[in-house]
N, C-alpha and C. Protein backbone atom coordinates (compact mmCIF):
# COMPACT_ATOMS: atom_id res chain seq x y z
N UNK A 1 141.50 193.58 105.19
CA UNK A 1 140.43 193.31 105.99
C UNK A 1 139.48 192.15 105.39
N UNK A 2 139.07 191.17 106.09
CA UNK A 2 138.36 190.12 105.54
C UNK A 2 136.81 190.58 105.42
N UNK A 3 136.12 189.75 104.59
CA UNK A 3 134.67 189.88 104.50
C UNK A 3 133.94 189.56 105.79
N UNK A 4 132.87 190.29 105.95
CA UNK A 4 132.05 190.15 107.21
C UNK A 4 131.46 188.75 106.94
N UNK A 5 131.42 188.08 108.18
CA UNK A 5 130.67 186.65 108.19
C UNK A 5 129.52 186.82 109.05
N UNK A 6 128.51 186.21 108.63
CA UNK A 6 127.28 186.07 109.58
C UNK A 6 127.42 184.82 110.39
N UNK A 7 126.98 184.97 111.69
CA UNK A 7 127.09 183.93 112.56
C UNK A 7 125.73 183.60 113.31
N UNK A 8 125.60 182.37 113.52
CA UNK A 8 124.29 181.94 114.16
C UNK A 8 124.74 180.92 115.29
N UNK A 9 123.64 180.64 116.18
CA UNK A 9 123.90 179.74 117.18
C UNK A 9 122.90 178.65 116.97
N UNK A 10 123.48 177.45 116.98
CA UNK A 10 122.62 176.21 116.71
C UNK A 10 122.79 175.29 118.09
N UNK A 11 121.80 174.58 118.40
CA UNK A 11 121.90 173.73 119.57
C UNK A 11 121.42 172.26 119.19
N UNK A 12 122.07 171.28 119.68
CA UNK A 12 121.81 169.94 119.34
C UNK A 12 121.85 169.11 120.56
N UNK A 13 121.01 168.01 120.56
CA UNK A 13 120.98 167.19 121.69
C UNK A 13 121.38 165.79 121.45
N UNK A 14 122.24 165.37 122.40
CA UNK A 14 122.75 163.89 122.41
C UNK A 14 121.87 163.13 123.36
N UNK A 15 121.01 162.48 122.81
CA UNK A 15 119.96 161.55 123.63
C UNK A 15 120.49 160.12 123.49
N UNK A 16 120.74 159.48 124.71
CA UNK A 16 121.20 158.13 124.65
C UNK A 16 120.17 157.26 125.27
N UNK A 17 120.03 155.94 124.86
CA UNK A 17 119.16 155.04 125.29
C UNK A 17 119.79 153.63 125.00
N UNK A 18 119.94 152.72 126.04
CA UNK A 18 120.47 151.50 125.93
C UNK A 18 121.75 151.47 125.02
N UNK A 19 122.75 152.37 125.27
CA UNK A 19 123.93 152.60 124.61
C UNK A 19 123.79 152.92 122.99
N UNK A 20 122.55 153.54 122.78
CA UNK A 20 122.38 153.99 121.47
C UNK A 20 122.12 155.43 121.51
N UNK A 21 122.32 156.12 120.35
CA UNK A 21 122.12 157.59 120.16
C UNK A 21 121.03 157.83 119.21
N UNK A 22 120.15 158.73 119.53
CA UNK A 22 119.02 159.16 118.72
C UNK A 22 119.59 160.14 117.63
N UNK A 23 119.34 159.62 116.42
CA UNK A 23 119.65 160.41 115.21
C UNK A 23 118.40 160.65 114.30
N UNK A 24 118.40 161.68 113.49
CA UNK A 24 117.19 161.93 112.72
C UNK A 24 117.75 162.15 111.23
N UNK A 25 117.02 161.72 110.29
CA UNK A 25 117.46 161.81 108.87
C UNK A 25 116.60 162.85 108.27
N UNK A 26 117.30 163.95 107.72
CA UNK A 26 116.72 165.09 107.10
C UNK A 26 115.96 164.71 105.98
N UNK A 27 114.80 165.50 105.75
CA UNK A 27 113.95 165.10 104.61
C UNK A 27 114.72 165.40 103.30
N UNK A 28 114.46 164.53 102.30
CA UNK A 28 115.15 164.65 100.99
C UNK A 28 115.08 166.04 100.32
N UNK A 29 113.86 166.73 100.65
CA UNK A 29 113.79 168.05 100.08
C UNK A 29 114.27 169.22 100.81
N UNK A 30 115.13 169.02 101.98
CA UNK A 30 115.68 169.95 102.70
C UNK A 30 116.64 170.69 101.90
N UNK A 31 116.80 172.01 102.25
CA UNK A 31 117.88 172.87 101.48
C UNK A 31 119.13 172.57 101.90
N UNK A 32 119.37 172.30 103.22
CA UNK A 32 120.60 171.79 103.72
C UNK A 32 120.79 170.44 104.10
N UNK A 33 121.75 169.66 103.68
CA UNK A 33 121.95 168.29 104.06
C UNK A 33 120.88 167.37 103.92
N UNK A 34 120.15 167.43 102.74
CA UNK A 34 119.11 166.41 102.36
C UNK A 34 119.48 165.04 102.61
N UNK A 35 118.67 164.30 103.28
CA UNK A 35 118.78 162.81 103.45
C UNK A 35 119.93 162.48 104.30
N UNK A 36 120.55 163.34 105.05
CA UNK A 36 121.58 163.12 105.90
C UNK A 36 121.28 163.00 107.25
N UNK A 37 121.91 162.24 108.07
CA UNK A 37 121.50 162.00 109.54
C UNK A 37 122.20 163.10 110.41
N UNK A 38 121.41 163.53 111.51
CA UNK A 38 121.92 164.55 112.35
C UNK A 38 121.38 164.31 113.72
N UNK A 39 121.85 165.03 114.76
CA UNK A 39 121.32 165.03 116.02
C UNK A 39 120.20 165.97 116.09
N UNK A 40 119.12 165.77 116.83
CA UNK A 40 118.04 166.61 116.88
C UNK A 40 118.41 167.94 117.59
N UNK A 41 117.82 169.01 117.09
CA UNK A 41 117.90 170.35 117.51
C UNK A 41 117.81 171.39 116.37
N UNK A 42 118.26 172.61 116.58
CA UNK A 42 118.11 173.58 115.60
C UNK A 42 118.59 175.00 116.13
N UNK A 43 118.17 176.05 115.29
CA UNK A 43 118.71 177.20 115.60
C UNK A 43 118.11 178.03 116.79
N UNK A 44 118.86 178.83 117.44
CA UNK A 44 118.44 179.55 118.53
C UNK A 44 117.90 180.97 117.97
N UNK A 45 116.66 181.25 118.35
CA UNK A 45 116.01 182.47 117.78
C UNK A 45 116.61 183.61 118.50
N UNK A 46 116.58 184.75 117.85
CA UNK A 46 117.19 186.06 118.46
C UNK A 46 116.48 186.29 119.94
N UNK A 47 117.29 186.49 120.83
CA UNK A 47 116.79 186.79 122.24
C UNK A 47 116.33 185.58 122.94
N UNK A 48 116.53 184.37 122.52
CA UNK A 48 116.13 183.18 123.03
C UNK A 48 117.37 182.56 123.92
N UNK A 49 117.22 182.08 125.05
CA UNK A 49 118.19 181.41 125.61
C UNK A 49 118.41 180.04 125.03
N UNK A 50 119.69 179.56 124.84
CA UNK A 50 120.06 178.46 124.22
C UNK A 50 119.40 177.15 124.79
N UNK A 51 119.35 177.17 126.10
CA UNK A 51 118.70 175.91 126.73
C UNK A 51 117.22 175.94 126.47
N UNK A 52 116.62 177.02 126.49
CA UNK A 52 115.07 177.05 126.16
C UNK A 52 114.96 176.63 124.63
N UNK A 53 115.79 177.08 123.73
CA UNK A 53 115.79 176.62 122.33
C UNK A 53 115.93 175.21 122.19
N UNK A 54 116.94 174.65 122.87
CA UNK A 54 117.13 173.10 122.79
C UNK A 54 115.94 172.37 123.14
N UNK A 55 115.38 172.62 124.44
CA UNK A 55 114.20 172.01 124.79
C UNK A 55 112.98 172.06 123.80
N UNK A 56 112.87 173.28 123.34
CA UNK A 56 111.81 173.53 122.27
C UNK A 56 112.06 172.73 121.06
N UNK A 57 113.23 172.81 120.52
CA UNK A 57 113.56 172.06 119.22
C UNK A 57 113.40 170.58 119.51
N UNK A 58 113.82 170.06 120.58
CA UNK A 58 113.63 168.58 120.87
C UNK A 58 112.14 168.29 120.82
N UNK A 59 111.27 169.08 121.42
CA UNK A 59 109.91 168.80 121.57
C UNK A 59 109.34 168.88 120.12
N UNK A 60 109.73 169.90 119.38
CA UNK A 60 109.16 170.00 117.97
C UNK A 60 109.51 168.90 116.97
N UNK A 61 110.84 168.39 117.14
CA UNK A 61 111.34 167.46 116.16
C UNK A 61 111.10 166.07 116.57
N UNK A 62 111.01 165.85 117.94
CA UNK A 62 110.98 164.34 118.33
C UNK A 62 109.72 164.00 119.30
N UNK A 63 109.05 165.04 119.77
CA UNK A 63 107.97 165.02 120.71
C UNK A 63 108.48 164.45 122.13
N UNK A 64 109.81 164.59 122.35
CA UNK A 64 110.37 164.20 123.67
C UNK A 64 110.45 165.41 124.54
N UNK A 65 110.14 165.28 125.90
CA UNK A 65 110.44 166.25 126.79
C UNK A 65 111.85 165.89 127.46
N UNK A 66 112.75 166.78 127.52
CA UNK A 66 114.08 166.44 127.93
C UNK A 66 114.61 167.38 129.01
N UNK A 67 115.58 166.99 129.64
CA UNK A 67 116.36 167.72 130.59
C UNK A 67 117.84 167.84 130.04
N UNK A 68 118.39 168.97 130.19
CA UNK A 68 119.88 169.14 129.72
C UNK A 68 120.67 168.71 130.96
N UNK A 69 121.72 168.02 130.74
CA UNK A 69 122.49 167.38 131.71
C UNK A 69 123.87 168.18 131.70
N UNK A 70 124.48 168.22 130.53
CA UNK A 70 125.78 168.84 130.47
C UNK A 70 126.21 169.17 129.02
N UNK A 71 127.24 170.05 128.81
CA UNK A 71 127.78 170.33 127.56
C UNK A 71 128.57 169.06 127.06
N UNK A 72 128.34 168.62 125.87
CA UNK A 72 129.19 167.52 125.31
C UNK A 72 130.13 168.03 124.36
N UNK A 73 129.89 168.92 123.46
CA UNK A 73 130.91 169.45 122.48
C UNK A 73 130.41 170.68 121.83
N UNK A 74 131.25 171.34 121.23
CA UNK A 74 130.98 172.60 120.33
C UNK A 74 131.75 172.48 119.12
N UNK A 75 131.08 172.72 118.02
CA UNK A 75 131.70 172.65 116.67
C UNK A 75 131.26 173.85 115.88
N UNK A 76 131.90 174.07 114.80
CA UNK A 76 131.53 175.15 113.90
C UNK A 76 130.99 174.40 112.63
N UNK A 77 129.96 175.05 111.96
CA UNK A 77 129.39 174.48 110.79
C UNK A 77 128.88 175.61 109.85
N UNK A 78 128.50 175.32 108.72
CA UNK A 78 128.02 176.36 107.84
C UNK A 78 126.75 175.85 107.00
N UNK A 79 125.83 176.64 106.86
CA UNK A 79 124.61 176.31 106.13
C UNK A 79 124.03 177.45 105.30
N UNK A 80 123.13 177.10 104.46
CA UNK A 80 122.49 178.16 103.71
C UNK A 80 121.21 178.63 104.39
N UNK A 81 121.14 180.13 104.59
CA UNK A 81 120.01 180.56 105.30
C UNK A 81 118.73 180.46 104.44
N UNK A 82 117.67 180.19 105.12
CA UNK A 82 116.32 180.03 104.44
C UNK A 82 115.86 181.48 103.98
N UNK A 83 116.28 182.51 104.79
CA UNK A 83 115.75 183.85 104.48
C UNK A 83 116.46 184.40 103.42
N UNK A 84 117.85 184.46 103.54
CA UNK A 84 118.65 185.26 102.60
C UNK A 84 119.39 184.39 101.49
N UNK A 85 119.32 183.11 101.77
CA UNK A 85 119.89 182.15 100.74
C UNK A 85 121.35 182.34 100.68
N UNK A 86 122.02 183.03 101.73
CA UNK A 86 123.46 183.15 101.90
C UNK A 86 124.05 182.25 102.85
N UNK A 87 125.35 181.89 102.76
CA UNK A 87 125.89 181.01 103.69
C UNK A 87 126.03 181.68 105.10
N UNK A 88 125.73 181.00 106.20
CA UNK A 88 125.79 181.52 107.47
C UNK A 88 126.80 180.50 108.30
N UNK A 89 127.68 181.00 108.96
CA UNK A 89 128.49 180.13 109.85
C UNK A 89 127.74 180.06 111.19
N UNK A 90 127.77 178.83 111.75
CA UNK A 90 127.18 178.61 113.00
C UNK A 90 128.06 178.03 114.00
N UNK A 91 127.90 178.31 115.32
CA UNK A 91 128.43 177.54 116.32
C UNK A 91 127.52 176.59 116.87
N UNK A 92 127.74 175.25 116.87
CA UNK A 92 126.72 174.39 117.35
C UNK A 92 127.19 173.77 118.71
N UNK A 93 126.29 173.92 119.64
CA UNK A 93 126.52 173.40 121.03
C UNK A 93 125.78 172.07 121.06
N UNK A 94 126.50 170.95 121.43
CA UNK A 94 126.05 169.73 121.55
C UNK A 94 125.92 169.43 123.02
N UNK A 95 124.65 169.11 123.46
CA UNK A 95 124.41 169.09 124.88
C UNK A 95 123.93 167.58 125.18
N UNK A 96 124.48 167.03 126.26
CA UNK A 96 123.95 165.71 126.79
C UNK A 96 122.65 165.94 127.35
N UNK A 97 121.66 165.09 126.90
CA UNK A 97 120.15 165.30 127.36
C UNK A 97 119.78 163.97 128.04
N UNK A 98 118.70 164.12 128.83
CA UNK A 98 118.02 162.87 129.42
C UNK A 98 116.57 163.08 129.15
N UNK A 99 115.84 161.95 128.68
CA UNK A 99 114.45 161.91 128.44
C UNK A 99 113.64 162.00 129.80
N UNK A 100 112.73 163.07 129.84
CA UNK A 100 111.89 162.96 131.02
C UNK A 100 110.70 162.23 130.68
N UNK A 101 110.07 162.48 129.48
CA UNK A 101 108.98 161.65 128.99
C UNK A 101 108.79 161.72 127.51
N UNK A 102 107.85 160.91 126.95
CA UNK A 102 107.45 160.98 125.68
C UNK A 102 108.10 159.80 124.77
N UNK A 103 107.46 159.63 123.73
CA UNK A 103 107.99 158.50 122.67
C UNK A 103 108.40 159.41 121.40
N UNK A 104 109.38 158.85 120.73
CA UNK A 104 109.84 159.62 119.59
C UNK A 104 108.74 159.57 118.44
N UNK A 105 108.37 160.91 118.00
CA UNK A 105 107.52 161.15 116.86
C UNK A 105 108.13 162.26 116.05
N UNK A 106 108.67 161.98 114.91
CA UNK A 106 109.28 163.03 114.21
C UNK A 106 108.52 164.01 113.45
N UNK A 107 109.04 165.16 113.32
CA UNK A 107 108.18 166.33 112.58
C UNK A 107 108.52 166.01 111.03
N UNK A 108 107.83 166.95 110.30
CA UNK A 108 108.06 166.67 108.81
C UNK A 108 109.34 167.32 108.21
N UNK A 109 110.22 167.87 109.19
CA UNK A 109 111.46 168.10 108.81
C UNK A 109 112.44 167.06 108.49
N UNK A 110 112.04 165.88 109.00
CA UNK A 110 112.85 164.53 108.94
C UNK A 110 111.95 163.53 108.47
N UNK A 111 112.58 162.47 107.79
CA UNK A 111 111.69 161.44 107.26
C UNK A 111 112.07 160.04 107.97
N UNK A 112 112.91 160.06 108.95
CA UNK A 112 113.22 158.74 109.60
C UNK A 112 114.01 159.18 110.93
N UNK A 113 114.00 158.21 111.84
CA UNK A 113 114.85 158.37 112.98
C UNK A 113 115.43 156.98 113.32
N UNK A 114 116.45 156.81 114.17
CA UNK A 114 116.96 155.56 114.51
C UNK A 114 117.78 155.84 115.82
N UNK A 115 117.72 154.70 116.55
CA UNK A 115 118.69 154.65 117.82
C UNK A 115 119.91 154.04 117.32
N UNK A 116 121.02 154.71 117.10
CA UNK A 116 122.18 154.08 116.34
C UNK A 116 123.19 153.74 117.35
N UNK A 117 123.79 152.57 117.10
CA UNK A 117 125.04 152.24 117.82
C UNK A 117 126.25 152.95 117.30
N UNK A 118 127.28 152.94 117.85
CA UNK A 118 128.51 153.65 117.65
C UNK A 118 128.94 152.88 116.26
N UNK A 119 128.77 151.66 116.11
CA UNK A 119 129.16 150.94 114.76
C UNK A 119 128.33 151.60 113.58
N UNK A 120 127.08 151.72 113.82
CA UNK A 120 126.24 152.32 112.81
C UNK A 120 126.57 153.73 112.42
N UNK A 121 126.94 154.48 113.45
CA UNK A 121 127.35 155.85 113.26
C UNK A 121 128.62 155.91 112.45
N UNK A 122 129.60 155.00 112.71
CA UNK A 122 130.90 155.04 111.90
C UNK A 122 130.54 154.56 110.47
N UNK A 123 129.71 153.61 110.24
CA UNK A 123 129.24 153.22 108.88
C UNK A 123 128.55 154.39 108.10
N UNK A 124 127.73 155.20 108.79
CA UNK A 124 126.98 156.32 108.14
C UNK A 124 128.07 157.42 107.93
N UNK A 125 129.13 157.54 108.74
CA UNK A 125 130.19 158.52 108.62
C UNK A 125 131.07 158.10 107.25
N UNK A 126 131.32 156.84 107.20
CA UNK A 126 132.29 156.32 106.09
C UNK A 126 131.38 156.41 104.75
N UNK A 127 130.19 156.28 104.76
CA UNK A 127 129.29 156.52 103.63
C UNK A 127 128.82 157.89 103.43
N UNK A 128 129.42 158.99 104.00
CA UNK A 128 129.02 160.35 103.84
C UNK A 128 127.58 160.56 104.03
N UNK A 129 127.03 159.92 105.04
CA UNK A 129 125.58 160.12 105.23
C UNK A 129 125.16 160.98 106.61
N UNK A 130 126.29 161.54 107.09
CA UNK A 130 126.07 162.38 108.36
C UNK A 130 126.22 163.93 107.97
N UNK A 131 125.60 164.75 108.65
CA UNK A 131 125.68 166.13 108.46
C UNK A 131 127.10 166.59 109.05
N UNK A 132 127.63 167.68 108.51
CA UNK A 132 128.97 168.27 108.81
C UNK A 132 129.16 168.34 110.22
N UNK A 133 128.26 168.79 111.06
CA UNK A 133 128.36 169.12 112.44
C UNK A 133 128.39 167.73 113.24
N UNK A 134 127.74 166.73 112.86
CA UNK A 134 127.90 165.47 113.43
C UNK A 134 129.16 164.71 113.11
N UNK A 135 129.52 164.95 111.77
CA UNK A 135 130.90 164.35 111.45
C UNK A 135 131.98 165.09 112.20
N UNK A 136 131.97 166.30 112.35
CA UNK A 136 133.00 167.04 113.19
C UNK A 136 133.09 166.74 114.57
N UNK A 137 131.86 166.51 115.23
CA UNK A 137 131.69 166.08 116.50
C UNK A 137 132.31 164.65 116.70
N UNK A 138 132.02 163.72 115.93
CA UNK A 138 132.62 162.38 115.92
C UNK A 138 134.17 162.50 115.79
N UNK A 139 134.73 163.35 114.82
CA UNK A 139 136.13 163.38 114.66
C UNK A 139 136.71 163.97 115.92
N UNK A 140 136.20 165.03 116.48
CA UNK A 140 136.74 165.71 117.69
C UNK A 140 136.93 164.70 118.85
N UNK A 141 135.92 163.86 118.96
CA UNK A 141 135.80 162.86 120.18
C UNK A 141 136.40 161.54 119.77
N UNK A 142 137.10 161.46 118.60
CA UNK A 142 137.71 160.24 118.26
C UNK A 142 136.78 159.10 118.17
N UNK A 143 135.56 159.43 117.76
CA UNK A 143 134.44 158.33 117.57
C UNK A 143 134.13 157.67 118.97
N UNK A 144 134.15 158.55 119.97
CA UNK A 144 133.66 158.07 121.28
C UNK A 144 132.62 158.87 121.75
N UNK A 145 131.44 158.44 121.90
CA UNK A 145 130.35 159.17 122.40
C UNK A 145 129.79 158.45 123.75
């Protein structure tokens, strides 16, 4: 029998504008993936619907009000829990989003944001500057978003 694994659900949003994708850079003091770029989003709280969690996380991290359009991709990732300091495996749902209103204003979880072209994402990928889940998503999609 294998060791028990803890699992969590994380949601991320793919927000496009003018053929660019919104990515956020994690704060350098972050426990997980410091100074790496990721799609906005976060963990789903116990008892919370994933769509509510995604809308909440986007508002908290970017100040954007969004609408969920469709499922984009699902990937598996691993991170260290803030509570237990143990590794947790997550299923990450990447959803296509549309902006309803707002201008990007990032939270203190991140220290920068950018609207990245596909070429910029490839460069960040090549330079190991993306989180594991974003790397996996680009690989699964053959770098086509």
